[in-house]
Amino acid sequence: MELRTMMAAALAPLEPGISKMSGLLNFYAGADEATHSLINVSVWTSLDNAKQLDTFQPMLDLGREFVAKGAVFERPIMNHTTLWELPR
């Protein structure tokens, strides 16, 4: 529950910088109650733009705080190419 609260609070320090990044289309943060897991999913116009998060210091700093509370991150960070999408 503490990590979920931390994830919700992460919006405030991350949003100002992420929202200004080149090529950002959307960014989501979510939680799965059944598996006690958290996820960030972002959609970008290019792989190079997506990789901006790899060096975004506020995210790296928060990552260390999450690890200190017991979080485990999957590495390497996965970047997927869109194969199809549903129209809205």
N, C-alpha and C. Protein backbone atom coordinates (compact mmCIF):
# COMPACT_ATOMS: atom_id res chain seq x y z
N MET A 1 0.82 -1.20 0.00
CA MET A 1 0.00 0.00 0.00
C MET A 1 0.87 1.27 0.00
N GLU A 2 2.01 1.20 0.69
CA GLU A 2 2.88 2.36 0.74
C GLU A 2 3.43 2.70 -0.65
N LEU A 3 3.80 1.68 -1.43
CA LEU A 3 4.32 1.93 -2.78
C LEU A 3 3.24 2.52 -3.68
N ARG A 4 2.00 2.08 -3.52
CA ARG A 4 0.90 2.64 -4.31
C ARG A 4 0.73 4.13 -3.97
N THR A 5 0.80 4.45 -2.71
CA THR A 5 0.69 5.85 -2.28
C THR A 5 1.84 6.67 -2.85
N MET A 6 3.04 6.09 -2.84
CA MET A 6 4.20 6.77 -3.41
C MET A 6 4.01 6.99 -4.91
N MET A 7 3.45 5.99 -5.60
CA MET A 7 3.22 6.12 -7.05
C MET A 7 2.24 7.25 -7.33
N ALA A 8 1.18 7.33 -6.55
CA ALA A 8 0.20 8.40 -6.74
C ALA A 8 0.86 9.76 -6.51
N ALA A 9 1.71 9.85 -5.50
CA ALA A 9 2.38 11.11 -5.18
C ALA A 9 3.46 11.46 -6.20
N ALA A 10 3.91 10.51 -6.99
CA ALA A 10 4.97 10.75 -7.96
C ALA A 10 4.54 11.69 -9.09
N LEU A 11 3.24 11.83 -9.29
CA LEU A 11 2.76 12.72 -10.35
C LEU A 11 3.30 14.14 -10.17
N ALA A 12 3.26 14.65 -8.96
CA ALA A 12 3.65 16.05 -8.73
C ALA A 12 5.09 16.35 -9.15
N PRO A 13 6.08 15.55 -8.75
CA PRO A 13 7.44 15.90 -9.17
C PRO A 13 7.78 15.49 -10.61
N LEU A 14 7.04 14.54 -11.18
CA LEU A 14 7.38 14.05 -12.51
C LEU A 14 6.66 14.78 -13.64
N GLU A 15 5.43 15.15 -13.42
CA GLU A 15 4.60 15.72 -14.50
C GLU A 15 5.19 16.96 -15.16
N PRO A 16 5.72 17.92 -14.41
CA PRO A 16 6.22 19.11 -15.09
C PRO A 16 7.31 18.81 -16.12
N GLY A 17 8.23 17.93 -15.80
CA GLY A 17 9.31 17.62 -16.73
C GLY A 17 8.89 16.68 -17.85
N ILE A 18 8.14 15.64 -17.50
CA ILE A 18 7.72 14.68 -18.52
C ILE A 18 6.81 15.33 -19.54
N SER A 19 5.91 16.18 -19.08
CA SER A 19 4.95 16.79 -20.02
C SER A 19 5.62 17.69 -21.04
N LYS A 20 6.84 18.15 -20.76
CA LYS A 20 7.57 19.02 -21.68
C LYS A 20 8.50 18.26 -22.62
N MET A 21 8.59 16.94 -22.44
CA MET A 21 9.52 16.16 -23.26
C MET A 21 9.03 16.05 -24.70
N SER A 22 9.98 16.10 -25.62
CA SER A 22 9.67 15.99 -27.04
C SER A 22 9.05 14.64 -27.36
N GLY A 23 7.98 14.65 -28.12
CA GLY A 23 7.40 13.43 -28.65
C GLY A 23 6.47 12.68 -27.73
N LEU A 24 6.19 13.19 -26.54
CA LEU A 24 5.28 12.50 -25.64
C LEU A 24 3.85 12.55 -26.17
N LEU A 25 3.23 11.39 -26.29
CA LEU A 25 1.83 11.32 -26.69
C LEU A 25 0.93 11.07 -25.49
N ASN A 26 1.37 10.19 -24.58
CA ASN A 26 0.60 9.92 -23.37
C ASN A 26 1.46 9.20 -22.36
N PHE A 27 1.07 9.31 -21.09
CA PHE A 27 1.81 8.66 -20.00
C PHE A 27 0.79 8.18 -18.99
N TYR A 28 0.94 6.94 -18.57
CA TYR A 28 0.02 6.34 -17.61
C TYR A 28 0.82 5.73 -16.46
N ALA A 29 0.28 5.80 -15.26
CA ALA A 29 0.81 5.09 -14.11
C ALA A 29 -0.35 4.27 -13.55
N GLY A 30 -0.08 3.01 -13.24
CA GLY A 30 -1.16 2.16 -12.77
C GLY A 30 -0.72 1.19 -11.69
N ALA A 31 -1.72 0.58 -11.06
CA ALA A 31 -1.47 -0.40 -9.99
C ALA A 31 -2.40 -1.59 -10.20
N ASP A 32 -1.87 -2.78 -9.94
CA ASP A 32 -2.65 -4.01 -9.99
C ASP A 32 -2.79 -4.50 -8.55
N GLU A 33 -4.00 -4.43 -8.03
CA GLU A 33 -4.25 -4.81 -6.64
C GLU A 33 -3.95 -6.28 -6.38
N ALA A 34 -4.26 -7.15 -7.33
CA ALA A 34 -4.09 -8.59 -7.13
C ALA A 34 -2.63 -9.00 -7.01
N THR A 35 -1.76 -8.37 -7.81
CA THR A 35 -0.34 -8.76 -7.81
C THR A 35 0.55 -7.77 -7.05
N HIS A 36 -0.05 -6.72 -6.53
CA HIS A 36 0.70 -5.68 -5.81
C HIS A 36 1.83 -5.14 -6.68
N SER A 37 1.52 -4.93 -7.96
CA SER A 37 2.53 -4.40 -8.87
C SER A 37 2.11 -3.04 -9.40
N LEU A 38 3.09 -2.27 -9.77
CA LEU A 38 2.89 -0.93 -10.33
C LEU A 38 3.49 -0.90 -11.72
N ILE A 39 2.97 0.00 -12.54
CA ILE A 39 3.50 0.09 -13.91
C ILE A 39 3.41 1.54 -14.40
N ASN A 40 4.37 1.90 -15.21
CA ASN A 40 4.32 3.13 -15.99
C ASN A 40 4.32 2.71 -17.45
N VAL A 41 3.41 3.28 -18.22
CA VAL A 41 3.36 3.04 -19.66
C VAL A 41 3.30 4.40 -20.32
N SER A 42 4.19 4.61 -21.27
CA SER A 42 4.17 5.88 -21.98
C SER A 42 4.18 5.60 -23.48
N VAL A 43 3.62 6.53 -24.22
CA VAL A 43 3.53 6.41 -25.68
C VAL A 43 4.23 7.63 -26.27
N TRP A 44 5.15 7.35 -27.21
CA TRP A 44 6.02 8.38 -27.77
C TRP A 44 6.00 8.31 -29.28
N THR A 45 6.45 9.37 -29.91
CA THR A 45 6.52 9.41 -31.37
C THR A 45 7.72 8.68 -31.92
N SER A 46 8.74 8.43 -31.07
CA SER A 46 9.93 7.70 -31.54
C SER A 46 10.64 7.05 -30.35
N LEU A 47 11.47 6.09 -30.65
CA LEU A 47 12.27 5.43 -29.62
C LEU A 47 13.23 6.43 -28.96
N ASP A 48 13.84 7.28 -29.75
CA ASP A 48 14.75 8.28 -29.18
C ASP A 48 14.03 9.17 -28.17
N ASN A 49 12.80 9.56 -28.49
CA ASN A 49 12.03 10.37 -27.56
C ASN A 49 11.71 9.59 -26.29
N ALA A 50 11.34 8.33 -26.43
CA ALA A 50 11.02 7.50 -25.27
C ALA A 50 12.22 7.37 -24.34
N LYS A 51 13.40 7.30 -24.90
CA LYS A 51 14.61 7.10 -24.11
C LYS A 51 14.98 8.32 -23.27
N GLN A 52 14.26 9.42 -23.44
CA GLN A 52 14.49 10.58 -22.58
C GLN A 52 14.26 10.22 -21.11
N LEU A 53 13.34 9.29 -20.87
CA LEU A 53 13.04 8.89 -19.49
C LEU A 53 14.21 8.18 -18.83
N ASP A 54 15.08 7.56 -19.62
CA ASP A 54 16.22 6.81 -19.08
C ASP A 54 17.17 7.70 -18.28
N THR A 55 17.19 8.98 -18.60
CA THR A 55 18.12 9.89 -17.93
C THR A 55 17.40 11.04 -17.22
N PHE A 56 16.09 10.93 -17.06
CA PHE A 56 15.30 11.98 -16.40
C PHE A 56 15.55 11.89 -14.90
N GLN A 57 16.33 12.82 -14.39
CA GLN A 57 16.81 12.75 -13.00
C GLN A 57 15.71 12.64 -11.96
N PRO A 58 14.60 13.40 -12.05
CA PRO A 58 13.55 13.22 -11.03
C PRO A 58 13.01 11.78 -10.98
N MET A 59 12.92 11.11 -12.13
CA MET A 59 12.44 9.73 -12.15
C MET A 59 13.50 8.80 -11.54
N LEU A 60 14.76 9.04 -11.85
CA LEU A 60 15.84 8.23 -11.28
C LEU A 60 15.89 8.39 -9.76
N ASP A 61 15.71 9.61 -9.29
CA ASP A 61 15.71 9.88 -7.84
C ASP A 61 14.55 9.16 -7.16
N LEU A 62 13.37 9.24 -7.75
CA LEU A 62 12.21 8.54 -7.17
C LEU A 62 12.40 7.03 -7.21
N GLY A 63 13.04 6.54 -8.26
CA GLY A 63 13.30 5.11 -8.35
C GLY A 63 14.10 4.61 -7.16
N ARG A 64 15.09 5.39 -6.74
CA ARG A 64 15.89 5.01 -5.57
C ARG A 64 15.02 4.97 -4.31
N GLU A 65 14.09 5.90 -4.19
CA GLU A 65 13.18 5.91 -3.04
C GLU A 65 12.29 4.67 -3.05
N PHE A 66 11.80 4.28 -4.23
CA PHE A 66 10.97 3.08 -4.33
C PHE A 66 11.77 1.83 -3.95
N VAL A 67 12.99 1.73 -4.43
CA VAL A 67 13.84 0.58 -4.11
C VAL A 67 14.10 0.52 -2.60
N ALA A 68 14.32 1.66 -1.98
CA ALA A 68 14.55 1.69 -0.53
C ALA A 68 13.34 1.16 0.24
N LYS A 69 12.16 1.24 -0.35
CA LYS A 69 10.94 0.74 0.29
C LYS A 69 10.60 -0.67 -0.15
N GLY A 70 11.47 -1.29 -0.96
CA GLY A 70 11.27 -2.70 -1.32
C GLY A 70 10.84 -2.95 -2.75
N ALA A 71 10.69 -1.92 -3.55
CA ALA A 71 10.28 -2.12 -4.94
C ALA A 71 11.40 -2.78 -5.74
N VAL A 72 11.01 -3.56 -6.73
CA VAL A 72 11.95 -4.20 -7.65
C VAL A 72 11.56 -3.77 -9.05
N PHE A 73 12.51 -3.26 -9.82
CA PHE A 73 12.25 -2.81 -11.18
C PHE A 73 12.71 -3.85 -12.18
N GLU A 74 11.93 -4.03 -13.24
CA GLU A 74 12.35 -4.90 -14.34
C GLU A 74 13.36 -4.14 -15.18
N ARG A 75 14.48 -4.77 -15.46
CA ARG A 75 15.52 -4.18 -16.29
C ARG A 75 15.93 -5.20 -17.32
N PRO A 76 16.25 -4.80 -18.51
CA PRO A 76 16.28 -3.42 -18.97
C PRO A 76 14.86 -2.88 -19.17
N ILE A 77 14.75 -1.57 -19.27
CA ILE A 77 13.47 -0.94 -19.57
C ILE A 77 13.05 -1.39 -20.96
N MET A 78 11.83 -1.84 -21.08
CA MET A 78 11.34 -2.33 -22.37
C MET A 78 10.74 -1.18 -23.18
N ASN A 79 11.08 -1.14 -24.44
CA ASN A 79 10.51 -0.18 -25.38
C ASN A 79 9.95 -0.99 -26.55
N HIS A 80 8.67 -0.85 -26.79
CA HIS A 80 7.99 -1.65 -27.81
C HIS A 80 7.59 -0.78 -28.99
N THR A 81 7.66 -1.34 -30.17
CA THR A 81 7.19 -0.68 -31.38
C THR A 81 5.72 -1.01 -31.55
N THR A 82 4.92 -0.04 -31.92
CA THR A 82 3.50 -0.27 -32.16
C THR A 82 3.31 -1.11 -33.41
N LEU A 83 2.54 -2.17 -33.29
CA LEU A 83 2.23 -3.03 -34.43
C LEU A 83 0.84 -2.73 -34.99
N TRP A 84 -0.07 -2.33 -34.13
CA TRP A 84 -1.40 -1.91 -34.57
C TRP A 84 -2.06 -1.14 -33.44
N GLU A 85 -3.13 -0.45 -33.78
CA GLU A 85 -3.89 0.28 -32.76
C GLU A 85 -5.35 0.30 -33.16
N LEU A 86 -6.21 0.38 -32.16
CA LEU A 86 -7.64 0.46 -32.41
C LEU A 86 -8.04 1.92 -32.57
N PRO A 87 -8.82 2.24 -33.58
CA PRO A 87 -9.26 3.64 -33.72
C PRO A 87 -10.26 3.98 -32.62
N ARG A 88 -10.29 5.23 -32.25
CA ARG A 88 -11.24 5.68 -31.22
C ARG A 88 -12.40 6.37 -31.87
